[in-house]
Amino acid sequence: MLQLTWSWQPALYLFLGGMGAGAFIMAAVLFLIDKAKHKLVVCVSMWAAFVSLAVGLLLLLSELISPVRGMMMWSAFSNFSSWMTYGAWGAFCALVVWAVSAVLAVPAVGKRLAKAKWLPTLRVVLAWVGIALGAFVAVYTGMLLMTAGGVPLWDSPLLPALFTVSAFDTGVALVELVVVVLSKKDPLAHRAAALMERIVIVLVVLEAAVLAAFLWAMLSADPASAWGQAAVASAQLLTSGGLSTVFWWMFVACGLAVPLIAAIAGLVLGKRETRPVMAIGAVGALVGGCELRFLILAAGVHASVLSATVMGLLL
């Protein structure tokens, strides 16, 4: 009994938007730690974050009845009592801030504006604002489902928490791939790699803990109510039902275990062996993070649908 109302476009938006948010935050952190190092990594990562969110939003707009009207935000998103409105404007502001940050991070632009005394201060301000907007976008990818209504699996504060941690995890993975690709052009890339490997370990452990709490909350729901039955049914779809093989292998094994093992191995092996190990862990995190969104959407059993099905069987 899979959820079929929301198709693949929203799932990809949830992944791309969250990944973009995490990638910008990681790139901004690298910039704020040392503004003279990793310039190329920071630049490419900021552009990757911008493109990820932009593509994700286009996919989300394609799901609207009137995508063109959805782009006219001043009229389509004017109800500021709705999370959809906050999310739309937050994502739009993030796009603007990230785009300006990415442009200013381009080495050629930096050289042309080298004499501008305001540039360093502006870049620092944009980095902090971009981090705040990135955190909002990451949280919103979970709030978008939580406010949909009628689906117990989505109606939990643990879902935004899970998607937020996963967004940071996949964002770091994207920046890791940038580091791997540009490592020959950045002789100090191994320092950024070591920092990100430590961050990955923390994020994977935290994500596993939030996931365990999320599934426990669903599985322990009251089975006497239609709401509780739907929650249990959704969780069982993931852990032991039709989606369990994909859940355990594609998300838990590939998306959590592989990045954790790769991060630990990268720290143990040192800078010379970091690139291939980091690449494996990053790809695993991206595959698992993407699969998580598809799984959560597919397992979202609607409480009223389940109730109607049960009543139909009884009558």
C-alpha atoms as a PDB file:
ATOM      1  CA  MET A   1       0.000   0.000   0.000  1.00  0.00           C
ATOM      2  CA  LEU A   2       2.477   2.615  -1.206  1.00  0.00           C
ATOM      3  CA  GLN A   3       1.920   6.358  -1.430  1.00  0.00           C
ATOM      4  CA  LEU A   4       1.513   7.271  -5.093  1.00  0.00           C
ATOM      5  CA  THR A   5       0.147  10.825  -4.931  1.00  0.00           C
ATOM      6  CA  TRP A   6       3.564  12.493  -4.767  1.00  0.00           C
ATOM      7  CA  SER A   7       5.769  11.413  -7.658  1.00  0.00           C
ATOM      8  CA  TRP A   8       9.532  11.472  -8.179  1.00  0.00           C
ATOM      9  CA  GLN A   9       9.866  15.252  -8.646  1.00  0.00           C
ATOM     10  CA  PRO A  10       9.123  16.162  -4.998  1.00  0.00           C
ATOM     11  CA  ALA A  11      11.439  13.387  -3.810  1.00  0.00           C
ATOM     12  CA  LEU A  12      14.287  14.774  -5.898  1.00  0.00           C
ATOM     13  CA  TYR A  13      13.546  18.301  -4.673  1.00  0.00           C
ATOM     14  CA  LEU A  14      13.739  17.113  -1.073  1.00  0.00           C
ATOM     15  CA  PHE A  15      17.123  15.560  -1.864  1.00  0.00           C
ATOM     16  CA  LEU A  16      18.587  18.330  -4.032  1.00  0.00           C
ATOM     17  CA  GLY A  17      17.328  21.149  -1.813  1.00  0.00           C
ATOM     18  CA  GLY A  18      18.698  19.527   1.330  1.00  0.00           C
ATOM     19  CA  MET A  19      21.996  18.583  -0.320  1.00  0.00           C
ATOM     20  CA  GLY A  20      22.428  22.107  -1.670  1.00  0.00           C
ATOM     21  CA  ALA A  21      21.783  23.557   1.780  1.00  0.00           C
ATOM     22  CA  GLY A  22      24.336  21.275   3.388  1.00  0.00           C
ATOM     23  CA  ALA A  23      26.899  21.933   0.655  1.00  0.00           C
ATOM     24  CA  PHE A  24      26.661  25.711   1.001  1.00  0.00           C
ATOM     25  CA  ILE A  25      26.964  25.483   4.779  1.00  0.00           C
ATOM     26  CA  MET A  26      30.080  23.302   4.475  1.00  0.00           C
ATOM     27  CA  ALA A  27      31.613  25.604   1.852  1.00  0.00           C
ATOM     28  CA  ALA A  28      30.847  28.682   3.964  1.00  0.00           C
ATOM     29  CA  VAL A  29      32.435  27.042   7.006  1.00  0.00           C
ATOM     30  CA  LEU A  30      35.602  26.317   5.010  1.00  0.00           C
ATOM     31  CA  PHE A  31      35.650  29.952   3.876  1.00  0.00           C
ATOM     32  CA  LEU A  32      35.117  31.347   7.374  1.00  0.00           C
ATOM     33  CA  ILE A  33      37.784  29.112   8.910  1.00  0.00           C
ATOM     34  CA  ASP A  34      40.469  30.387   6.545  1.00  0.00           C
ATOM     35  CA  LYS A  35      39.627  32.859   3.788  1.00  0.00           C
ATOM     36  CA  ALA A  36      42.931  32.329   1.981  1.00  0.00           C
ATOM     37  CA  LYS A  37      42.753  28.540   1.582  1.00  0.00           C
ATOM     38  CA  HIS A  38      40.545  26.266  -0.501  1.00  0.00           C
ATOM     39  CA  LYS A  39      39.356  29.145  -2.685  1.00  0.00           C
ATOM     40  CA  LEU A  40      38.615  26.909  -5.649  1.00  0.00           C
ATOM     41  CA  VAL A  41      36.884  24.272  -3.502  1.00  0.00           C
ATOM     42  CA  VAL A  42      34.726  26.947  -1.867  1.00  0.00           C
ATOM     43  CA  CYS A  43      33.848  28.487  -5.233  1.00  0.00           C
ATOM     44  CA  VAL A  44      32.862  25.219  -6.936  1.00  0.00           C
ATOM     45  CA  SER A  45      30.962  24.002  -3.855  1.00  0.00           C
ATOM     46  CA  MET A  46      28.927  27.219  -3.649  1.00  0.00           C
ATOM     47  CA  TRP A  47      28.021  26.954  -7.314  1.00  0.00           C
ATOM     48  CA  ALA A  48      27.091  23.292  -6.819  1.00  0.00           C
ATOM     49  CA  ALA A  49      24.853  24.277  -3.892  1.00  0.00           C
ATOM     50  CA  PHE A  50      23.137  26.966  -5.963  1.00  0.00           C
ATOM     51  CA  VAL A  51      22.548  24.653  -8.936  1.00  0.00           C
ATOM     52  CA  SER A  52      21.245  21.851  -6.693  1.00  0.00           C
ATOM     53  CA  LEU A  53      18.625  24.082  -5.070  1.00  0.00           C
ATOM     54  CA  ALA A  54      17.668  25.727  -8.374  1.00  0.00           C
ATOM     55  CA  VAL A  55      17.103  22.371 -10.102  1.00  0.00           C
ATOM     56  CA  GLY A  56      15.197  21.080  -7.084  1.00  0.00           C
ATOM     57  CA  LEU A  57      12.872  24.077  -7.091  1.00  0.00           C
ATOM     58  CA  LEU A  58      12.216  23.686 -10.808  1.00  0.00           C
ATOM     59  CA  LEU A  59      11.244  20.057 -10.194  1.00  0.00           C
ATOM     60  CA  LEU A  60       8.917  21.149  -7.391  1.00  0.00           C
ATOM     61  CA  LEU A  61       7.351  23.842  -9.588  1.00  0.00           C
ATOM     62  CA  SER A  62       6.698  21.227 -12.269  1.00  0.00           C
ATOM     63  CA  GLU A  63       4.318  19.507  -9.835  1.00  0.00           C
ATOM     64  CA  LEU A  64       2.117  22.617  -9.583  1.00  0.00           C
ATOM     65  CA  ILE A  65      -1.045  22.904 -11.682  1.00  0.00           C
ATOM     66  CA  SER A  66       0.289  26.215 -13.018  1.00  0.00           C
ATOM     67  CA  PRO A  67       4.122  26.299 -12.795  1.00  0.00           C
ATOM     68  CA  VAL A  68       4.325  29.754 -14.425  1.00  0.00           C
ATOM     69  CA  ARG A  69       1.986  31.210 -11.819  1.00  0.00           C
ATOM     70  CA  GLY A  70       4.083  29.576  -9.106  1.00  0.00           C
ATOM     71  CA  MET A  71       7.088  31.575 -10.311  1.00  0.00           C
ATOM     72  CA  MET A  72       5.192  34.807  -9.626  1.00  0.00           C
ATOM     73  CA  MET A  73       5.931  34.550  -5.932  1.00  0.00           C
ATOM     74  CA  TRP A  74       4.428  37.886  -4.913  1.00  0.00           C
ATOM     75  CA  SER A  75       0.979  36.601  -5.886  1.00  0.00           C
ATOM     76  CA  ALA A  76       1.317  32.822  -5.550  1.00  0.00           C
ATOM     77  CA  PHE A  77       2.964  32.864  -2.102  1.00  0.00           C
ATOM     78  CA  SER A  78       1.352  35.726  -0.202  1.00  0.00           C
ATOM     79  CA  ASN A  79      -0.277  33.771   2.649  1.00  0.00           C
ATOM     80  CA  PHE A  80       2.260  34.192   5.458  1.00  0.00           C
ATOM     81  CA  SER A  81       0.388  31.853   7.755  1.00  0.00           C
ATOM     82  CA  SER A  82       1.458  28.938   5.544  1.00  0.00           C
ATOM     83  CA  TRP A  83       4.700  26.984   5.754  1.00  0.00           C
ATOM     84  CA  MET A  84       4.606  26.719   1.952  1.00  0.00           C
ATOM     85  CA  THR A  85       4.921  30.512   1.720  1.00  0.00           C
ATOM     86  CA  TYR A  86       7.776  30.665   4.214  1.00  0.00           C
ATOM     87  CA  GLY A  87       9.524  27.862   2.401  1.00  0.00           C
ATOM     88  CA  ALA A  88       9.131  29.452  -1.028  1.00  0.00           C
ATOM     89  CA  TRP A  89      10.476  32.827   0.082  1.00  0.00           C
ATOM     90  CA  GLY A  90      13.226  31.226   2.148  1.00  0.00           C
ATOM     91  CA  ALA A  91      14.382  29.159  -0.826  1.00  0.00           C
ATOM     92  CA  PHE A  92      14.228  32.212  -3.087  1.00  0.00           C
ATOM     93  CA  CYS A  93      16.345  34.264  -0.649  1.00  0.00           C
ATOM     94  CA  ALA A  94      18.786  31.361  -0.382  1.00  0.00           C
ATOM     95  CA  LEU A  95      19.130  31.264  -4.175  1.00  0.00           C
ATOM     96  CA  VAL A  96      19.923  34.976  -4.307  1.00  0.00           C
ATOM     97  CA  VAL A  97      22.428  34.920  -1.434  1.00  0.00           C
ATOM     98  CA  TRP A  98      24.117  31.735  -2.657  1.00  0.00           C
ATOM     99  CA  ALA A  99      24.349  33.074  -6.219  1.00  0.00           C
ATOM    100  CA  VAL A 100      26.002  36.323  -5.087  1.00  0.00           C
ATOM    101  CA  SER A 101      28.342  34.371  -2.780  1.00  0.00           C
ATOM    102  CA  ALA A 102      29.296  32.016  -5.619  1.00  0.00           C
ATOM    103  CA  VAL A 103      29.964  34.892  -8.024  1.00  0.00           C
ATOM    104  CA  LEU A 104      32.169  36.702  -5.492  1.00  0.00           C
ATOM    105  CA  ALA A 105      34.033  33.433  -4.834  1.00  0.00           C
ATOM    106  CA  VAL A 106      35.121  33.174  -8.477  1.00  0.00           C
ATOM    107  CA  PRO A 107      38.889  33.882  -8.514  1.00  0.00           C
ATOM    108  CA  ALA A 108      38.639  36.184 -11.564  1.00  0.00           C
ATOM    109  CA  VAL A 109      35.979  38.291  -9.851  1.00  0.00           C
ATOM    110  CA  GLY A 110      38.059  38.424  -6.691  1.00  0.00           C
ATOM    111  CA  LYS A 111      41.040  39.749  -8.633  1.00  0.00           C
ATOM    112  CA  ARG A 112      38.968  42.474 -10.281  1.00  0.00           C
ATOM    113  CA  LEU A 113      37.543  43.574  -6.931  1.00  0.00           C
ATOM    114  CA  ALA A 114      40.788  43.087  -4.987  1.00  0.00           C
ATOM    115  CA  LYS A 115      41.017  46.795  -4.173  1.00  0.00           C
ATOM    116  CA  ALA A 116      37.452  46.997  -2.872  1.00  0.00           C
ATOM    117  CA  LYS A 117      37.696  47.309   0.912  1.00  0.00           C
ATOM    118  CA  TRP A 118      34.095  46.234   1.369  1.00  0.00           C
ATOM    119  CA  LEU A 119      34.509  42.862  -0.365  1.00  0.00           C
ATOM    120  CA  PRO A 120      35.913  40.786   2.561  1.00  0.00           C
ATOM    121  CA  THR A 121      33.232  42.072   4.938  1.00  0.00           C
ATOM    122  CA  LEU A 122      30.472  41.471   2.394  1.00  0.00           C
ATOM    123  CA  ARG A 123      31.623  37.892   1.768  1.00  0.00           C
ATOM    124  CA  VAL A 124      31.658  37.156   5.515  1.00  0.00           C
ATOM    125  CA  VAL A 125      28.153  38.600   5.937  1.00  0.00           C
ATOM    126  CA  LEU A 126      26.861  36.633   2.950  1.00  0.00           C
ATOM    127  CA  ALA A 127      28.450  33.451   4.322  1.00  0.00           C
ATOM    128  CA  TRP A 128      26.658  33.802   7.673  1.00  0.00           C
ATOM    129  CA  VAL A 129      23.345  34.750   6.051  1.00  0.00           C
ATOM    130  CA  GLY A 130      23.742  31.862   3.598  1.00  0.00           C
ATOM    131  CA  ILE A 131      24.386  29.453   6.482  1.00  0.00           C
ATOM    132  CA  ALA A 132      21.190  30.595   8.219  1.00  0.00           C
ATOM    133  CA  LEU A 133      19.184  30.264   5.002  1.00  0.00           C
ATOM    134  CA  GLY A 134      20.778  26.875   4.338  1.00  0.00           C
ATOM    135  CA  ALA A 135      19.705  25.639   7.752  1.00  0.00           C
ATOM    136  CA  PHE A 136      16.165  26.898   7.058  1.00  0.00           C
ATOM    137  CA  VAL A 137      16.013  25.168   3.661  1.00  0.00           C
ATOM    138  CA  ALA A 138      17.267  21.919   5.204  1.00  0.00           C
ATOM    139  CA  VAL A 139      14.599  22.030   7.926  1.00  0.00           C
ATOM    140  CA  TYR A 140      11.917  23.015   5.428  1.00  0.00           C
ATOM    141  CA  THR A 141      12.463  19.896   3.331  1.00  0.00           C
ATOM    142  CA  GLY A 142      11.052  18.000   6.304  1.00  0.00           C
ATOM    143  CA  MET A 143       8.421  20.570   7.248  1.00  0.00           C
ATOM    144  CA  LEU A 144       7.004  20.408   3.717  1.00  0.00           C
ATOM    145  CA  LEU A 145       5.954  16.802   4.328  1.00  0.00           C
ATOM    146  CA  MET A 146       5.051  17.320   7.977  1.00  0.00           C
ATOM    147  CA  THR A 147       2.454  19.957   7.082  1.00  0.00           C
ATOM    148  CA  ALA A 148       0.906  17.842   4.293  1.00  0.00           C
ATOM    149  CA  GLY A 149      -1.545  16.333   6.794  1.00  0.00           C
ATOM    150  CA  GLY A 150      -3.164  12.933   7.079  1.00  0.00           C
ATOM    151  CA  VAL A 151       0.046  10.875   6.904  1.00  0.00           C
ATOM    152  CA  PRO A 152       1.319   9.759  10.324  1.00  0.00           C
ATOM    153  CA  LEU A 153       4.795   8.867   9.013  1.00  0.00           C
ATOM    154  CA  TRP A 154       5.272  12.478   7.915  1.00  0.00           C
ATOM    155  CA  ASP A 155       3.480  14.144  10.832  1.00  0.00           C
ATOM    156  CA  SER A 156       6.337  13.956  13.323  1.00  0.00           C
ATOM    157  CA  PRO A 157       8.918  16.566  14.406  1.00  0.00           C
ATOM    158  CA  LEU A 158      11.489  13.804  14.050  1.00  0.00           C
ATOM    159  CA  LEU A 159      11.051  13.864  10.257  1.00  0.00           C
ATOM    160  CA  PRO A 160      12.392  17.433   9.830  1.00  0.00           C
ATOM    161  CA  ALA A 161      15.177  16.483  12.237  1.00  0.00           C
ATOM    162  CA  LEU A 162      16.022  13.413  10.145  1.00  0.00           C
ATOM    163  CA  PHE A 163      15.931  15.315   6.851  1.00  0.00           C
ATOM    164  CA  THR A 164      18.008  18.159   8.313  1.00  0.00           C
ATOM    165  CA  VAL A 165      20.803  15.877   9.510  1.00  0.00           C
ATOM    166  CA  SER A 166      20.658  13.997   6.213  1.00  0.00           C
ATOM    167  CA  ALA A 167      20.856  17.312   4.328  1.00  0.00           C
ATOM    168  CA  PHE A 168      24.032  18.248   6.184  1.00  0.00           C
ATOM    169  CA  ASP A 169      25.431  14.760   5.584  1.00  0.00           C
ATOM    170  CA  THR A 170      24.750  14.784   1.835  1.00  0.00           C
ATOM    171  CA  GLY A 171      25.951  18.379   1.553  1.00  0.00           C
ATOM    172  CA  VAL A 172      29.271  17.468   3.119  1.00  0.00           C
ATOM    173  CA  ALA A 173      29.449  14.485   0.762  1.00  0.00           C
ATOM    174  CA  LEU A 174      29.010  16.781  -2.236  1.00  0.00           C
ATOM    175  CA  VAL A 175      31.838  19.039  -1.035  1.00  0.00           C
ATOM    176  CA  GLU A 176      33.956  15.932  -0.433  1.00  0.00           C
ATOM    177  CA  LEU A 177      33.561  14.997  -4.088  1.00  0.00           C
ATOM    178  CA  VAL A 178      34.583  18.531  -5.050  1.00  0.00           C
ATOM    179  CA  VAL A 179      37.701  18.136  -2.885  1.00  0.00           C
ATOM    180  CA  VAL A 180      38.491  14.795  -4.529  1.00  0.00           C
ATOM    181  CA  VAL A 181      38.198  16.271  -8.024  1.00  0.00           C
ATOM    182  CA  LEU A 182      40.191  19.415  -7.203  1.00  0.00           C
ATOM    183  CA  SER A 183      42.734  17.894  -4.834  1.00  0.00           C
ATOM    184  CA  LYS A 184      45.578  18.187  -7.354  1.00  0.00           C
ATOM    185  CA  LYS A 185      44.890  21.906  -7.766  1.00  0.00           C
ATOM    186  CA  ASP A 186      44.603  22.474  -4.017  1.00  0.00           C
ATOM    187  CA  PRO A 187      47.703  21.201  -2.175  1.00  0.00           C
ATOM    188  CA  LEU A 188      46.016  21.760   1.193  1.00  0.00           C
ATOM    189  CA  ALA A 189      42.860  19.826   0.278  1.00  0.00           C
ATOM    190  CA  HIS A 190      43.790  17.050   2.721  1.00  0.00           C
ATOM    191  CA  ARG A 191      43.219  19.459   5.617  1.00  0.00           C
ATOM    192  CA  ALA A 192      39.662  20.131   4.470  1.00  0.00           C
ATOM    193  CA  ALA A 193      39.236  16.387   3.914  1.00  0.00           C
ATOM    194  CA  ALA A 194      40.287  15.554   7.472  1.00  0.00           C
ATOM    195  CA  LEU A 195      37.848  18.123   8.871  1.00  0.00           C
ATOM    196  CA  MET A 196      34.972  16.780   6.783  1.00  0.00           C
ATOM    197  CA  GLU A 197      35.706  13.181   7.712  1.00  0.00           C
ATOM    198  CA  ARG A 198      35.344  14.103  11.384  1.00  0.00           C
ATOM    199  CA  ILE A 199      32.104  15.928  10.600  1.00  0.00           C
ATOM    200  CA  VAL A 200      30.805  12.892   8.669  1.00  0.00           C
ATOM    201  CA  ILE A 201      31.377  10.607  11.658  1.00  0.00           C
ATOM    202  CA  VAL A 202      29.363  12.919  13.917  1.00  0.00           C
ATOM    203  CA  LEU A 203      26.579  13.361  11.357  1.00  0.00           C
ATOM    204  CA  VAL A 204      26.207   9.649  10.574  1.00  0.00           C
ATOM    205  CA  VAL A 205      25.992   8.734  14.262  1.00  0.00           C
ATOM    206  CA  LEU A 206      23.454  11.518  14.823  1.00  0.00           C
ATOM    207  CA  GLU A 207      21.425  10.506  11.754  1.00  0.00           C
ATOM    208  CA  ALA A 208      21.340   6.879  12.899  1.00  0.00           C
ATOM    209  CA  ALA A 209      20.123   7.980  16.344  1.00  0.00           C
ATOM    210  CA  VAL A 210      17.372  10.205  14.894  1.00  0.00           C
ATOM    211  CA  LEU A 211      16.338   7.424  12.495  1.00  0.00           C
ATOM    212  CA  ALA A 212      16.076   4.919  15.355  1.00  0.00           C
ATOM    213  CA  ALA A 213      13.950   7.336  17.402  1.00  0.00           C
ATOM    214  CA  PHE A 214      11.771   8.083  14.361  1.00  0.00           C
ATOM    215  CA  LEU A 215      11.077   4.412  13.595  1.00  0.00           C
ATOM    216  CA  TRP A 216      10.507   3.587  17.261  1.00  0.00           C
ATOM    217  CA  ALA A 217       7.921   6.379  17.515  1.00  0.00           C
ATOM    218  CA  MET A 218       6.086   5.027  14.467  1.00  0.00           C
ATOM    219  CA  LEU A 219       6.215   1.355  15.496  1.00  0.00           C
ATOM    220  CA  SER A 220       5.018   2.115  19.041  1.00  0.00           C
ATOM    221  CA  ALA A 221       1.962   4.105  17.899  1.00  0.00           C
ATOM    222  CA  ASP A 222      -1.466   3.119  19.221  1.00  0.00           C
ATOM    223  CA  PRO A 223      -2.709   0.282  16.971  1.00  0.00           C
ATOM    224  CA  ALA A 224      -6.299   0.821  18.137  1.00  0.00           C
ATOM    225  CA  SER A 225      -6.656   4.005  16.060  1.00  0.00           C
ATOM    226  CA  ALA A 226      -6.530   4.457  12.291  1.00  0.00           C
ATOM    227  CA  TRP A 227      -3.716   6.967  12.819  1.00  0.00           C
ATOM    228  CA  GLY A 228      -1.676   4.468  14.817  1.00  0.00           C
ATOM    229  CA  GLN A 229      -2.357   1.673  12.329  1.00  0.00           C
ATOM    230  CA  ALA A 230      -1.102   3.847   9.478  1.00  0.00           C
ATOM    231  CA  ALA A 231       2.015   4.813  11.431  1.00  0.00           C
ATOM    232  CA  VAL A 232       2.835   1.185  12.200  1.00  0.00           C
ATOM    233  CA  ALA A 233       2.073   0.121   8.627  1.00  0.00           C
ATOM    234  CA  SER A 234       4.389   2.800   7.229  1.00  0.00           C
ATOM    235  CA  ALA A 235       7.242   1.865   9.551  1.00  0.00           C
ATOM    236  CA  GLN A 236       6.797  -1.827   8.807  1.00  0.00           C
ATOM    237  CA  LEU A 237       6.924  -1.120   5.077  1.00  0.00           C
ATOM    238  CA  LEU A 238      10.406   0.254   5.678  1.00  0.00           C
ATOM    239  CA  THR A 239      11.746  -2.217   8.211  1.00  0.00           C
ATOM    240  CA  SER A 240      10.196  -5.543   7.223  1.00  0.00           C
ATOM    241  CA  GLY A 241       7.784  -5.006   4.330  1.00  0.00           C
ATOM    242  CA  GLY A 242       8.002  -4.319   0.631  1.00  0.00           C
ATOM    243  CA  LEU A 243      10.518  -1.503   1.001  1.00  0.00           C
ATOM    244  CA  SER A 244      12.744  -3.207   3.562  1.00  0.00           C
ATOM    245  CA  THR A 245      15.373  -4.523   1.134  1.00  0.00           C
ATOM    246  CA  VAL A 246      15.931  -1.084  -0.342  1.00  0.00           C
ATOM    247  CA  PHE A 247      15.794   0.539   3.103  1.00  0.00           C
ATOM    248  CA  TRP A 248      18.402  -1.708   4.735  1.00  0.00           C
ATOM    249  CA  TRP A 249      20.783  -1.988   1.795  1.00  0.00           C
ATOM    250  CA  MET A 250      20.464   1.309  -0.073  1.00  0.00           C
ATOM    251  CA  PHE A 251      19.977   3.616   2.897  1.00  0.00           C
ATOM    252  CA  VAL A 252      21.296   1.993   6.072  1.00  0.00           C
ATOM    253  CA  ALA A 253      24.206   0.075   4.534  1.00  0.00           C
ATOM    254  CA  CYS A 254      25.089   2.340   1.607  1.00  0.00           C
ATOM    255  CA  GLY A 255      24.003   5.694   3.067  1.00  0.00           C
ATOM    256  CA  LEU A 256      25.141   5.287   6.676  1.00  0.00           C
ATOM    257  CA  ALA A 257      27.557   2.379   7.132  1.00  0.00           C
ATOM    258  CA  VAL A 258      29.710   3.010   4.044  1.00  0.00           C
ATOM    259  CA  PRO A 259      30.295   6.751   4.751  1.00  0.00           C
ATOM    260  CA  LEU A 260      31.052   5.995   8.407  1.00  0.00           C
ATOM    261  CA  ILE A 261      33.576   3.270   7.571  1.00  0.00           C
ATOM    262  CA  ALA A 262      35.116   5.433   4.819  1.00  0.00           C
ATOM    263  CA  ALA A 263      35.479   8.428   7.147  1.00  0.00           C
ATOM    264  CA  ILE A 264      37.160   6.361   9.843  1.00  0.00           C
ATOM    265  CA  ALA A 265      39.407   4.686   7.270  1.00  0.00           C
ATOM    266  CA  GLY A 266      40.330   8.052   5.774  1.00  0.00           C
ATOM    267  CA  LEU A 267      41.455   9.378   9.151  1.00  0.00           C
ATOM    268  CA  VAL A 268      43.458   6.221   9.844  1.00  0.00           C
ATOM    269  CA  LEU A 269      45.116   6.005   6.418  1.00  0.00           C
ATOM    270  CA  GLY A 270      46.159   9.647   6.241  1.00  0.00           C
ATOM    271  CA  LYS A 271      46.243  12.174   3.430  1.00  0.00           C
ATOM    272  CA  ARG A 272      47.850   9.992   0.743  1.00  0.00           C
ATOM    273  CA  GLU A 273      45.001   7.475   0.679  1.00  0.00           C
ATOM    274  CA  THR A 274      42.188   9.899   1.396  1.00  0.00           C
ATOM    275  CA  ARG A 275      40.879  10.580  -2.129  1.00  0.00           C
ATOM    276  CA  PRO A 276      39.582   7.121  -3.200  1.00  0.00           C
ATOM    277  CA  VAL A 277      38.253   6.328   0.286  1.00  0.00           C
ATOM    278  CA  MET A 278      36.566   9.714   0.553  1.00  0.00           C
ATOM    279  CA  ALA A 279      35.001   9.309  -2.890  1.00  0.00           C
ATOM    280  CA  ILE A 280      33.488   5.936  -1.950  1.00  0.00           C
ATOM    281  CA  GLY A 281      32.050   7.319   1.271  1.00  0.00           C
ATOM    282  CA  ALA A 282      30.689  10.432  -0.430  1.00  0.00           C
ATOM    283  CA  VAL A 283      28.978   8.487  -3.213  1.00  0.00           C
ATOM    284  CA  GLY A 284      27.457   6.151  -0.629  1.00  0.00           C
ATOM    285  CA  ALA A 285      26.108   9.101   1.358  1.00  0.00           C
ATOM    286  CA  LEU A 286      24.575  10.694  -1.747  1.00  0.00           C
ATOM    287  CA  VAL A 287      22.935   7.460  -2.916  1.00  0.00           C
ATOM    288  CA  GLY A 288      21.572   6.744   0.554  1.00  0.00           C
ATOM    289  CA  GLY A 289      20.377  10.304   1.120  1.00  0.00           C
ATOM    290  CA  CYS A 290      18.517  10.352  -2.174  1.00  0.00           C
ATOM    291  CA  GLU A 291      16.982   6.942  -1.501  1.00  0.00           C
ATOM    292  CA  LEU A 292      15.814   8.080   1.949  1.00  0.00           C
ATOM    293  CA  ARG A 293      13.531  10.728   0.408  1.00  0.00           C
ATOM    294  CA  PHE A 294      12.002   8.266  -2.039  1.00  0.00           C
ATOM    295  CA  LEU A 295      11.464   5.727   0.747  1.00  0.00           C
ATOM    296  CA  ILE A 296       9.803   8.212   3.111  1.00  0.00           C
ATOM    297  CA  LEU A 297       7.496   9.400   0.350  1.00  0.00           C
ATOM    298  CA  ALA A 298       6.617   5.880  -0.788  1.00  0.00           C
ATOM    299  CA  ALA A 299       5.931   4.626   2.746  1.00  0.00           C
ATOM    300  CA  GLY A 300       3.620   7.519   3.619  1.00  0.00           C
ATOM    301  CA  VAL A 301       0.378   5.600   4.215  1.00  0.00           C
ATOM    302  CA  HIS A 302      -2.585   7.963   4.581  1.00  0.00           C
ATOM    303  CA  ALA A 303      -4.549   7.332   7.791  1.00  0.00           C
ATOM    304  CA  SER A 304      -7.977   7.813   6.201  1.00  0.00           C
ATOM    305  CA  VAL A 305      -7.094   5.483   3.316  1.00  0.00           C
ATOM    306  CA  LEU A 306      -6.034   2.759   5.712  1.00  0.00           C
ATOM    307  CA  SER A 307      -9.160   3.289   7.808  1.00  0.00           C
ATOM    308  CA  ALA A 308     -11.388   3.027   4.747  1.00  0.00           C
ATOM    309  CA  THR A 309      -9.585  -0.134   3.651  1.00  0.00           C
ATOM    310  CA  VAL A 310     -10.025  -1.744   7.075  1.00  0.00           C
ATOM    311  CA  MET A 311     -13.687  -0.754   7.272  1.00  0.00           C
ATOM    312  CA  GLY A 312     -14.278  -2.158   3.807  1.00  0.00           C
ATOM    313  CA  LEU A 313     -12.824  -5.480   4.838  1.00  0.00           C
ATOM    314  CA  LEU A 314     -14.916  -5.567   8.040  1.00  0.00           C
ATOM    315  CA  LEU A 315     -18.152  -4.734   6.227  1.00  0.00           C
END
